[in-house]
PDB file of all heavy atoms in Angstrom:
ATOM      1  N   LEU A   1     -47.226 -35.231  -6.041  1.00  0.00           N
ATOM      2  CA  LEU A   1     -48.602 -35.068  -6.598  1.00  0.00           C
ATOM      3  C   LEU A   1     -49.138 -36.369  -7.166  1.00  0.00           C
ATOM      4  O   LEU A   1     -50.342 -36.629  -7.098  1.00  0.00           O
ATOM      5  CB  LEU A   1     -48.599 -33.973  -7.706  1.00  0.00           C
ATOM      6  CG  LEU A   1     -48.356 -32.497  -7.262  1.00  0.00           C
ATOM      7  CD1 LEU A   1     -48.281 -31.604  -8.468  1.00  0.00           C
ATOM      8  CD2 LEU A   1     -49.504 -32.062  -6.342  1.00  0.00           C
ATOM      9  N   GLU A   2     -48.239 -37.209  -7.596  1.00  0.00           N
ATOM     10  CA  GLU A   2     -48.631 -38.491  -8.195  1.00  0.00           C
ATOM     11  C   GLU A   2     -49.020 -39.545  -7.175  1.00  0.00           C
ATOM     12  O   GLU A   2     -49.856 -40.355  -7.389  1.00  0.00           O
ATOM     13  CB  GLU A   2     -47.562 -39.002  -9.136  1.00  0.00           C
ATOM     14  CG  GLU A   2     -47.288 -38.166 -10.394  1.00  0.00           C
ATOM     15  CD  GLU A   2     -46.628 -36.858 -10.142  1.00  0.00           C
ATOM     16  OE1 GLU A   2     -45.861 -36.769  -9.136  1.00  0.00           O
ATOM     17  OE2 GLU A   2     -46.870 -35.896 -10.890  1.00  0.00           O
ATOM     18  N   THR A   3     -48.315 -39.477  -6.073  1.00  0.00           N
ATOM     19  CA  THR A   3     -48.502 -40.548  -5.006  1.00  0.00           C
ATOM     20  C   THR A   3     -49.606 -40.213  -3.963  1.00  0.00           C
ATOM     21  O   THR A   3     -50.022 -41.032  -3.175  1.00  0.00           O
ATOM     22  CB  THR A   3     -47.237 -40.806  -4.274  1.00  0.00           C
ATOM     23  OG1 THR A   3     -46.753 -39.588  -3.617  1.00  0.00           O
ATOM     24  CG2 THR A   3     -46.175 -41.329  -5.268  1.00  0.00           C
ATOM     25  N   LEU A   4     -50.002 -38.890  -3.909  1.00  0.00           N
ATOM     26  CA  LEU A   4     -51.023 -38.584  -2.980  1.00  0.00           C
ATOM     27  C   LEU A   4     -52.448 -39.145  -3.411  1.00  0.00           C
ATOM     28  O   LEU A   4     -52.703 -39.133  -4.573  1.00  0.00           O
ATOM     29  CB  LEU A   4     -51.203 -37.060  -2.857  1.00  0.00           C
ATOM     30  CG  LEU A   4     -50.368 -36.340  -1.789  1.00  0.00           C
ATOM     31  CD1 LEU A   4     -50.508 -34.887  -1.924  1.00  0.00           C
ATOM     32  CD2 LEU A   4     -50.733 -36.811  -0.365  1.00  0.00           C
ATOM     33  N   PRO A   5     -53.236 -39.654  -2.476  1.00  0.00           N
ATOM     34  CA  PRO A   5     -54.588 -40.106  -2.829  1.00  0.00           C
ATOM     35  C   PRO A   5     -55.417 -38.918  -3.394  1.00  0.00           C
ATOM     36  O   PRO A   5     -55.230 -37.777  -2.946  1.00  0.00           O
ATOM     37  CB  PRO A   5     -55.149 -40.632  -1.544  1.00  0.00           C
ATOM     38  CG  PRO A   5     -54.001 -40.863  -0.696  1.00  0.00           C
ATOM     39  CD  PRO A   5     -52.942 -39.904  -1.042  1.00  0.00           C
ATOM     40  N   LYS A   6     -56.336 -39.229  -4.273  1.00  0.00           N
ATOM     41  CA  LYS A   6     -57.215 -38.203  -4.844  1.00  0.00           C
ATOM     42  C   LYS A   6     -58.369 -37.927  -3.874  1.00  0.00           C
ATOM     43  O   LYS A   6     -58.954 -38.858  -3.370  1.00  0.00           O
ATOM     44  CB  LYS A   6     -57.691 -38.641  -6.190  1.00  0.00           C
ATOM     45  CG  LYS A   6     -56.620 -38.850  -7.241  1.00  0.00           C
ATOM     46  CD  LYS A   6     -55.866 -37.552  -7.491  1.00  0.00           C
ATOM     47  CE  LYS A   6     -54.861 -37.682  -8.648  1.00  0.00           C
ATOM     48  NZ  LYS A   6     -53.638 -38.538  -8.170  1.00  0.00           N
ATOM     49  N   PRO A   7     -58.637 -36.624  -3.582  1.00  0.00           N
ATOM     50  CA  PRO A   7     -59.767 -36.344  -2.673  1.00  0.00           C
ATOM     51  C   PRO A   7     -61.109 -36.806  -3.259  1.00  0.00           C
ATOM     52  O   PRO A   7     -61.289 -36.726  -4.459  1.00  0.00           O
ATOM     53  CB  PRO A   7     -59.740 -34.817  -2.607  1.00  0.00           C
ATOM     54  CG  PRO A   7     -58.366 -34.424  -3.057  1.00  0.00           C
ATOM     55  CD  PRO A   7     -57.949 -35.456  -4.046  1.00  0.00           C
ATOM     56  N   ALA A   8     -61.997 -37.247  -2.370  1.00  0.00           N
ATOM     57  CA  ALA A   8     -63.374 -37.595  -2.841  1.00  0.00           C
ATOM     58  C   ALA A   8     -64.254 -36.376  -2.764  1.00  0.00           C
ATOM     59  O   ALA A   8     -65.264 -36.323  -3.514  1.00  0.00           O
ATOM     60  CB  ALA A   8     -63.903 -38.708  -1.934  1.00  0.00           C
ATOM     61  N   ASN A   9     -63.931 -35.451  -1.949  1.00  0.00           N
ATOM     62  CA  ASN A   9     -64.710 -34.151  -1.824  1.00  0.00           C
ATOM     63  C   ASN A   9     -64.146 -33.182  -2.804  1.00  0.00           C
ATOM     64  O   ASN A   9     -62.944 -32.819  -2.747  1.00  0.00           O
ATOM     65  CB  ASN A   9     -64.565 -33.681  -0.383  1.00  0.00           C
ATOM     66  CG  ASN A   9     -65.461 -32.451  -0.119  1.00  0.00           C
ATOM     67  OD1 ASN A   9     -65.838 -31.729  -0.991  1.00  0.00           O
ATOM     68  ND2 ASN A   9     -65.783 -32.266   1.159  1.00  0.00           N
ATOM     69  N   ALA A  10     -64.990 -32.683  -3.674  1.00  0.00           N
ATOM     70  CA  ALA A  10     -64.541 -31.737  -4.699  1.00  0.00           C
ATOM     71  C   ALA A  10     -64.085 -30.417  -4.114  1.00  0.00           C
ATOM     72  O   ALA A  10     -63.444 -29.634  -4.788  1.00  0.00           O
ATOM     73  CB  ALA A  10     -65.762 -31.462  -5.711  1.00  0.00           C
ATOM     74  N   ASP A  11     -64.493 -30.125  -2.870  1.00  0.00           N
ATOM     75  CA  ASP A  11     -64.043 -28.915  -2.281  1.00  0.00           C
ATOM     76  C   ASP A  11     -62.534 -28.906  -1.895  1.00  0.00           C
ATOM     77  O   ASP A  11     -61.906 -27.856  -1.748  1.00  0.00           O
ATOM     78  CB  ASP A  11     -64.805 -28.646  -0.975  1.00  0.00           C
ATOM     79  CG  ASP A  11     -66.215 -28.094  -1.189  1.00  0.00           C
ATOM     80  OD1 ASP A  11     -66.526 -27.847  -2.330  1.00  0.00           O
ATOM     81  OD2 ASP A  11     -66.991 -28.027  -0.188  1.00  0.00           O
ATOM     82  N   VAL A  12     -62.006 -30.080  -1.744  1.00  0.00           N
ATOM     83  CA  VAL A  12     -60.602 -30.218  -1.340  1.00  0.00           C
ATOM     84  C   VAL A  12     -59.693 -30.266  -2.589  1.00  0.00           C
ATOM     85  O   VAL A  12     -59.913 -31.059  -3.523  1.00  0.00           O
ATOM     86  CB  VAL A  12     -60.370 -31.569  -0.557  1.00  0.00           C
ATOM     87  CG1 VAL A  12     -58.899 -31.732  -0.210  1.00  0.00           C
ATOM     88  CG2 VAL A  12     -61.212 -31.547   0.708  1.00  0.00           C
ATOM     89  N   ARG A  13     -58.757 -29.335  -2.659  1.00  0.00           N
ATOM     90  CA  ARG A  13     -57.837 -29.222  -3.777  1.00  0.00           C
ATOM     91  C   ARG A  13     -56.422 -29.631  -3.289  1.00  0.00           C
ATOM     92  O   ARG A  13     -56.042 -29.304  -2.209  1.00  0.00           O
ATOM     93  CB  ARG A  13     -57.839 -27.785  -4.266  1.00  0.00           C
ATOM     94  CG  ARG A  13     -59.184 -27.228  -4.643  1.00  0.00           C
ATOM     95  CD  ARG A  13     -59.132 -25.794  -5.169  1.00  0.00           C
ATOM     96  NE  ARG A  13     -58.543 -24.907  -4.223  1.00  0.00           N
ATOM     97  CZ  ARG A  13     -59.246 -24.278  -3.279  1.00  0.00           C
ATOM     98  NH1 ARG A  13     -60.538 -24.497  -3.177  1.00  0.00           N
ATOM     99  NH2 ARG A  13     -58.679 -23.439  -2.418  1.00  0.00           N
ATOM    100  N   ILE A  14     -55.697 -30.286  -4.213  1.00  0.00           N
ATOM    101  CA  ILE A  14     -54.279 -30.589  -3.945  1.00  0.00           C
ATOM    102  C   ILE A  14     -53.454 -29.623  -4.829  1.00  0.00           C
ATOM    103  O   ILE A  14     -53.732 -29.555  -6.088  1.00  0.00           O
ATOM    104  CB  ILE A  14     -53.944 -32.073  -4.349  1.00  0.00           C
ATOM    105  CG1 ILE A  14     -54.840 -32.990  -3.584  1.00  0.00           C
ATOM    106  CG2 ILE A  14     -52.454 -32.353  -4.014  1.00  0.00           C
ATOM    107  CD1 ILE A  14     -54.726 -32.916  -2.093  1.00  0.00           C
ATOM    108  N   ALA A  15     -52.532 -28.944  -4.265  1.00  0.00           N
ATOM    109  CA  ALA A  15     -51.791 -27.912  -4.992  1.00  0.00           C
ATOM    110  C   ALA A  15     -50.334 -27.921  -4.588  1.00  0.00           C
ATOM    111  O   ALA A  15     -49.993 -28.406  -3.478  1.00  0.00           O
ATOM    112  CB  ALA A  15     -52.420 -26.519  -4.800  1.00  0.00           C
ATOM    113  N   THR A  16     -49.511 -27.302  -5.403  1.00  0.00           N
ATOM    114  CA  THR A  16     -48.081 -27.121  -5.018  1.00  0.00           C
ATOM    115  C   THR A  16     -47.927 -25.632  -4.546  1.00  0.00           C
ATOM    116  O   THR A  16     -48.229 -24.682  -5.361  1.00  0.00           O
ATOM    117  CB  THR A  16     -47.193 -27.374  -6.198  1.00  0.00           C
ATOM    118  OG1 THR A  16     -47.335 -28.761  -6.541  1.00  0.00           O
ATOM    119  CG2 THR A  16     -45.760 -27.174  -5.805  1.00  0.00           C
ATOM    120  N   ALA A  17     -47.449 -25.470  -3.382  1.00  0.00           N
ATOM    121  CA  ALA A  17     -47.059 -24.121  -2.858  1.00  0.00           C
ATOM    122  C   ALA A  17     -45.599 -23.871  -3.262  1.00  0.00           C
ATOM    123  O   ALA A  17     -44.714 -24.656  -2.887  1.00  0.00           O
ATOM    124  CB  ALA A  17     -47.244 -24.035  -1.378  1.00  0.00           C
ATOM    125  N   PRO A  18     -45.332 -22.768  -4.008  1.00  0.00           N
ATOM    126  CA  PRO A  18     -43.934 -22.592  -4.497  1.00  0.00           C
ATOM    127  C   PRO A  18     -42.998 -22.211  -3.301  1.00  0.00           C
ATOM    128  O   PRO A  18     -43.427 -21.818  -2.261  1.00  0.00           O
ATOM    129  CB  PRO A  18     -44.080 -21.429  -5.445  1.00  0.00           C
ATOM    130  CG  PRO A  18     -45.307 -20.695  -4.978  1.00  0.00           C
ATOM    131  CD  PRO A  18     -46.229 -21.758  -4.451  1.00  0.00           C
ATOM    132  N   ALA A  19     -41.694 -22.390  -3.609  1.00  0.00           N
ATOM    133  CA  ALA A  19     -40.714 -22.001  -2.635  1.00  0.00           C
ATOM    134  C   ALA A  19     -40.811 -20.500  -2.423  1.00  0.00           C
ATOM    135  O   ALA A  19     -41.143 -19.704  -3.391  1.00  0.00           O
ATOM    136  CB  ALA A  19     -39.354 -22.351  -3.105  1.00  0.00           C
ATOM    137  N   THR A  20     -40.575 -20.065  -1.178  1.00  0.00           N
ATOM    138  CA  THR A  20     -40.823 -18.587  -0.914  1.00  0.00           C
ATOM    139  C   THR A  20     -39.960 -18.173   0.308  1.00  0.00           C
ATOM    140  O   THR A  20     -39.566 -19.036   1.101  1.00  0.00           O
ATOM    141  CB  THR A  20     -42.290 -18.330  -0.630  1.00  0.00           C
ATOM    142  OG1 THR A  20     -42.527 -16.885  -0.484  1.00  0.00           O
ATOM    143  CG2 THR A  20     -42.750 -18.969   0.669  1.00  0.00           C
ATOM    144  N   ARG A  21     -39.735 -16.883   0.414  1.00  0.00           N
ATOM    145  CA  ARG A  21     -39.089 -16.314   1.596  1.00  0.00           C
ATOM    146  C   ARG A  21     -40.250 -15.639   2.461  1.00  0.00           C
ATOM    147  O   ARG A  21     -41.065 -14.910   1.961  1.00  0.00           O
ATOM    148  CB  ARG A  21     -38.066 -15.305   1.235  1.00  0.00           C
ATOM    149  CG  ARG A  21     -37.433 -14.567   2.390  1.00  0.00           C
ATOM    150  CD  ARG A  21     -36.098 -13.903   2.048  1.00  0.00           C
ATOM    151  NE  ARG A  21     -35.078 -14.925   1.900  1.00  0.00           N
ATOM    152  CZ  ARG A  21     -33.789 -14.712   1.757  1.00  0.00           C
ATOM    153  NH1 ARG A  21     -33.348 -13.432   1.704  1.00  0.00           N
ATOM    154  NH2 ARG A  21     -32.921 -15.680   1.599  1.00  0.00           N
ATOM    155  N   ARG A  22     -40.184 -15.931   3.746  1.00  0.00           N
ATOM    156  CA  ARG A  22     -41.262 -15.434   4.645  1.00  0.00           C
ATOM    157  C   ARG A  22     -40.699 -14.790   5.846  1.00  0.00           C
ATOM    158  O   ARG A  22     -39.676 -15.272   6.435  1.00  0.00           O
ATOM    159  CB  ARG A  22     -42.168 -16.553   5.080  1.00  0.00           C
ATOM    160  CG  ARG A  22     -43.109 -17.039   4.005  1.00  0.00           C
ATOM    161  CD  ARG A  22     -43.947 -18.228   4.519  1.00  0.00           C
ATOM    162  NE  ARG A  22     -44.893 -18.689   3.566  1.00  0.00           N
ATOM    163  CZ  ARG A  22     -45.437 -19.868   3.515  1.00  0.00           C
ATOM    164  NH1 ARG A  22     -45.161 -20.724   4.471  1.00  0.00           N
ATOM    165  NH2 ARG A  22     -46.332 -20.201   2.588  1.00  0.00           N
ATOM    166  N   ALA A  23     -41.294 -13.704   6.281  1.00  0.00           N
ATOM    167  CA  ALA A  23     -41.033 -13.148   7.628  1.00  0.00           C
ATOM    168  C   ALA A  23     -42.125 -13.703   8.552  1.00  0.00           C
ATOM    169  O   ALA A  23     -43.310 -13.818   8.169  1.00  0.00           O
ATOM    170  CB  ALA A  23     -41.183 -11.631   7.598  1.00  0.00           C
ATOM    171  N   ALA A  24     -41.681 -14.197   9.725  1.00  0.00           N
ATOM    172  CA  ALA A  24     -42.661 -14.872  10.592  1.00  0.00           C
ATOM    173  C   ALA A  24     -42.404 -14.385  12.030  1.00  0.00           C
ATOM    174  O   ALA A  24     -41.285 -14.148  12.496  1.00  0.00           O
ATOM    175  CB  ALA A  24     -42.463 -16.371  10.531  1.00  0.00           C
ATOM    176  N   ILE A  25     -43.522 -14.215  12.811  1.00  0.00           N
ATOM    177  CA  ILE A  25     -43.432 -13.938  14.188  1.00  0.00           C
ATOM    178  C   ILE A  25     -44.101 -15.034  14.990  1.00  0.00           C
ATOM    179  O   ILE A  25     -45.267 -15.394  14.640  1.00  0.00           O
ATOM    180  CB  ILE A  25     -44.041 -12.561  14.527  1.00  0.00           C
ATOM    181  CG1 ILE A  25     -43.791 -12.196  16.050  1.00  0.00           C
ATOM    182  CG2 ILE A  25     -45.473 -12.377  14.194  1.00  0.00           C
ATOM    183  CD1 ILE A  25     -44.065 -10.747  16.345  1.00  0.00           C
ATOM    184  N   ARG A  26     -43.548 -15.548  16.026  1.00  0.00           N
ATOM    185  CA  ARG A  26     -44.042 -16.665  16.792  1.00  0.00           C
ATOM    186  C   ARG A  26     -44.574 -16.201  18.142  1.00  0.00           C
ATOM    187  O   ARG A  26     -43.958 -15.297  18.808  1.00  0.00           O
ATOM    188  CB  ARG A  26     -42.931 -17.640  17.048  1.00  0.00           C
ATOM    189  CG  ARG A  26     -43.277 -18.920  17.842  1.00  0.00           C
ATOM    190  CD  ARG A  26     -42.206 -19.859  17.844  1.00  0.00           C
ATOM    191  NE  ARG A  26     -42.427 -21.030  18.681  1.00  0.00           N
ATOM    192  CZ  ARG A  26     -41.694 -22.148  18.672  1.00  0.00           C
ATOM    193  NH1 ARG A  26     -40.658 -22.285  17.854  1.00  0.00           N
ATOM    194  NH2 ARG A  26     -41.969 -23.139  19.472  1.00  0.00           N
ATOM    195  N   PHE A  27     -45.752 -16.715  18.582  1.00  0.00           N
ATOM    196  CA  PHE A  27     -46.254 -16.331  19.864  1.00  0.00           C
ATOM    197  C   PHE A  27     -47.059 -17.486  20.475  1.00  0.00           C
ATOM    198  O   PHE A  27     -47.533 -18.323  19.704  1.00  0.00           O
ATOM    199  CB  PHE A  27     -47.130 -15.033  19.744  1.00  0.00           C
ATOM    200  CG  PHE A  27     -48.368 -15.200  18.922  1.00  0.00           C
ATOM    201  CD1 PHE A  27     -49.628 -15.371  19.479  1.00  0.00           C
ATOM    202  CD2 PHE A  27     -48.290 -15.119  17.556  1.00  0.00           C
ATOM    203  CE1 PHE A  27     -50.789 -15.512  18.709  1.00  0.00           C
ATOM    204  CE2 PHE A  27     -49.379 -15.256  16.746  1.00  0.00           C
ATOM    205  CZ  PHE A  27     -50.676 -15.436  17.363  1.00  0.00           C
ATOM    206  N   SER A  28     -47.190 -17.480  21.734  1.00  0.00           N
ATOM    207  CA  SER A  28     -47.877 -18.513  22.389  1.00  0.00           C
ATOM    208  C   SER A  28     -49.266 -18.006  22.890  1.00  0.00           C
ATOM    209  O   SER A  28     -49.653 -16.890  22.569  1.00  0.00           O
ATOM    210  CB  SER A  28     -47.102 -19.025  23.681  1.00  0.00           C
ATOM    211  OG  SER A  28     -46.925 -17.898  24.606  1.00  0.00           O
ATOM    212  N   GLY A  29     -50.032 -18.897  23.561  1.00  0.00           N
ATOM    213  CA  GLY A  29     -51.357 -18.462  23.991  1.00  0.00           C
ATOM    214  C   GLY A  29     -52.370 -18.832  22.893  1.00  0.00           C
ATOM    215  O   GLY A  29     -52.054 -19.465  21.930  1.00  0.00           O
ATOM    216  N   TYR A  30     -53.618 -18.378  23.134  1.00  0.00           N
ATOM    217  CA  TYR A  30     -54.665 -18.663  22.183  1.00  0.00           C
ATOM    218  C   TYR A  30     -54.711 -17.619  21.058  1.00  0.00           C
ATOM    219  O   TYR A  30     -54.544 -16.422  21.366  1.00  0.00           O
ATOM    220  CB  TYR A  30     -56.048 -18.784  22.888  1.00  0.00           C
ATOM    221  CG  TYR A  30     -56.093 -20.005  23.745  1.00  0.00           C
ATOM    222  CD1 TYR A  30     -55.826 -19.906  25.110  1.00  0.00           C
ATOM    223  CD2 TYR A  30     -56.452 -21.191  23.208  1.00  0.00           C
ATOM    224  CE1 TYR A  30     -55.948 -21.056  25.919  1.00  0.00           C
ATOM    225  CE2 TYR A  30     -56.503 -22.341  23.989  1.00  0.00           C
ATOM    226  CZ  TYR A  30     -56.254 -22.244  25.340  1.00  0.00           C
ATOM    227  OH  TYR A  30     -56.304 -23.377  26.143  1.00  0.00           O
ATOM    228  N   ALA A  31     -54.911 -18.062  19.844  1.00  0.00           N
ATOM    229  CA  ALA A  31     -54.858 -17.165  18.667  1.00  0.00           C
ATOM    230  C   ALA A  31     -56.177 -16.430  18.499  1.00  0.00           C
ATOM    231  O   ALA A  31     -56.915 -16.740  17.603  1.00  0.00           O
ATOM    232  CB  ALA A  31     -54.479 -17.988  17.399  1.00  0.00           C
ATOM    233  N   THR A  32     -56.364 -15.459  19.328  1.00  0.00           N
ATOM    234  CA  THR A  32     -57.594 -14.633  19.243  1.00  0.00           C
ATOM    235  C   THR A  32     -57.351 -13.584  18.149  1.00  0.00           C
ATOM    236  O   THR A  32     -56.193 -13.291  17.739  1.00  0.00           O
ATOM    237  CB  THR A  32     -57.901 -13.988  20.544  1.00  0.00           C
ATOM    238  OG1 THR A  32     -56.807 -13.024  20.901  1.00  0.00           O
ATOM    239  CG2 THR A  32     -58.084 -15.017  21.644  1.00  0.00           C
ATOM    240  N   ASP A  33     -58.389 -12.941  17.724  1.00  0.00           N
ATOM    241  CA  ASP A  33     -58.265 -11.848  16.736  1.00  0.00           C
ATOM    242  C   ASP A  33     -57.388 -10.755  17.283  1.00  0.00           C
ATOM    243  O   ASP A  33     -56.557 -10.225  16.574  1.00  0.00           O
ATOM    244  CB  ASP A  33     -59.666 -11.314  16.346  1.00  0.00           C
ATOM    245  CG  ASP A  33     -60.434 -12.277  15.455  1.00  0.00           C
ATOM    246  OD1 ASP A  33     -59.792 -13.208  14.873  1.00  0.00           O
ATOM    247  OD2 ASP A  33     -61.670 -12.111  15.385  1.00  0.00           O
ATOM    248  N   ALA A  34     -57.527 -10.426  18.536  1.00  0.00           N
ATOM    249  CA  ALA A  34     -56.729  -9.365  19.134  1.00  0.00           C
ATOM    250  C   ALA A  34     -55.307  -9.708  19.184  1.00  0.00           C
ATOM    251  O   ALA A  34     -54.496  -8.908  18.864  1.00  0.00           O
ATOM    252  CB  ALA A  34     -57.270  -9.038  20.517  1.00  0.00           C
ATOM    253  N   ALA A  35     -54.992 -10.916  19.605  1.00  0.00           N
ATOM    254  CA  ALA A  35     -53.625 -11.392  19.684  1.00  0.00           C
ATOM    255  C   ALA A  35     -52.980 -11.409  18.284  1.00  0.00           C
ATOM    256  O   ALA A  35     -51.827 -11.001  18.188  1.00  0.00           O
ATOM    257  CB  ALA A  35     -53.515 -12.780  20.333  1.00  0.00           C
ATOM    258  N   ILE A  36     -53.666 -11.893  17.280  1.00  0.00           N
ATOM    259  CA  ILE A  36     -53.133 -11.929  15.942  1.00  0.00           C
ATOM    260  C   ILE A  36     -52.900 -10.537  15.421  1.00  0.00           C
ATOM    261  O   ILE A  36     -51.884 -10.244  14.794  1.00  0.00           O
ATOM    262  CB  ILE A  36     -54.087 -12.708  15.086  1.00  0.00           C
ATOM    263  CG1 ILE A  36     -54.031 -14.230  15.348  1.00  0.00           C
ATOM    264  CG2 ILE A  36     -53.773 -12.477  13.591  1.00  0.00           C
ATOM    265  CD1 ILE A  36     -55.069 -15.050  14.590  1.00  0.00           C
ATOM    266  N   ALA A  37     -53.837  -9.607  15.609  1.00  0.00           N
ATOM    267  CA  ALA A  37     -53.631  -8.227  15.159  1.00  0.00           C
ATOM    268  C   ALA A  37     -52.420  -7.550  15.793  1.00  0.00           C
ATOM    269  O   ALA A  37     -51.672  -6.871  15.168  1.00  0.00           O
ATOM    270  CB  ALA A  37     -54.919  -7.444  15.526  1.00  0.00           C
ATOM    271  N   GLU A  38     -52.222  -7.815  17.090  1.00  0.00           N
ATOM    272  CA  GLU A  38     -51.076  -7.275  17.782  1.00  0.00           C
ATOM    273  C   GLU A  38     -49.767  -7.798  17.175  1.00  0.00           C
ATOM    274  O   GLU A  38     -48.822  -7.056  16.904  1.00  0.00           O
ATOM    275  CB  GLU A  38     -51.112  -7.555  19.277  1.00  0.00           C
ATOM    276  CG  GLU A  38     -49.950  -7.089  20.056  1.00  0.00           C
ATOM    277  CD  GLU A  38     -50.036  -7.449  21.552  1.00  0.00           C
ATOM    278  OE1 GLU A  38     -51.031  -8.028  21.954  1.00  0.00           O
ATOM    279  OE2 GLU A  38     -49.130  -7.135  22.296  1.00  0.00           O
ATOM    280  N   GLN A  39     -49.712  -9.157  16.979  1.00  0.00           N
ATOM    281  CA  GLN A  39     -48.496  -9.732  16.448  1.00  0.00           C
ATOM    282  C   GLN A  39     -48.273  -9.301  14.994  1.00  0.00           C
ATOM    283  O   GLN A  39     -47.093  -9.055  14.552  1.00  0.00           O
ATOM    284  CB  GLN A  39     -48.589 -11.236  16.578  1.00  0.00           C
ATOM    285  CG  GLN A  39     -48.688 -11.830  18.010  1.00  0.00           C
ATOM    286  CD  GLN A  39     -47.500 -11.420  18.776  1.00  0.00           C
ATOM    287  OE1 GLN A  39     -46.345 -11.426  18.345  1.00  0.00           O
ATOM    288  NE2 GLN A  39     -47.721 -11.158  20.099  1.00  0.00           N
ATOM    289  N   GLU A  40     -49.324  -9.198  14.208  1.00  0.00           N
ATOM    290  CA  GLU A  40     -49.202  -8.765  12.814  1.00  0.00           C
ATOM    291  C   GLU A  40     -48.667  -7.393  12.723  1.00  0.00           C
ATOM    292  O   GLU A  40     -47.762  -7.104  11.924  1.00  0.00           O
ATOM    293  CB  GLU A  40     -50.561  -8.901  12.116  1.00  0.00           C
ATOM    294  CG  GLU A  40     -50.514  -8.644  10.599  1.00  0.00           C
ATOM    295  CD  GLU A  40     -51.822  -8.971   9.952  1.00  0.00           C
ATOM    296  OE1 GLU A  40     -52.594  -9.889  10.458  1.00  0.00           O
ATOM    297  OE2 GLU A  40     -52.137  -8.361   8.981  1.00  0.00           O
ATOM    298  N   ALA A  41     -49.069  -6.491  13.625  1.00  0.00           N
ATOM    299  CA  ALA A  41     -48.574  -5.119  13.612  1.00  0.00           C
ATOM    300  C   ALA A  41     -47.037  -5.090  13.946  1.00  0.00           C
ATOM    301  O   ALA A  41     -46.274  -4.378  13.325  1.00  0.00           O
ATOM    302  CB  ALA A  41     -49.394  -4.303  14.607  1.00  0.00           C
ATOM    303  N   ALA A  42     -46.727  -5.905  14.971  1.00  0.00           N
ATOM    304  CA  ALA A  42     -45.259  -5.981  15.358  1.00  0.00           C
ATOM    305  C   ALA A  42     -44.419  -6.517  14.196  1.00  0.00           C
ATOM    306  O   ALA A  42     -43.363  -5.991  13.943  1.00  0.00           O
ATOM    307  CB  ALA A  42     -45.140  -6.830  16.572  1.00  0.00           C
TER     308      ALA A  42
END
């Protein structure tokens, strides 16, 4: 956090994402809404 340059645009925030456990599904192709919904359900 100390060595990163400070954003000039106030919309851009620098934050720390905490350590976490995640379930993830990987897929190829274009990430359309339909493809994402199918993978999210699976």
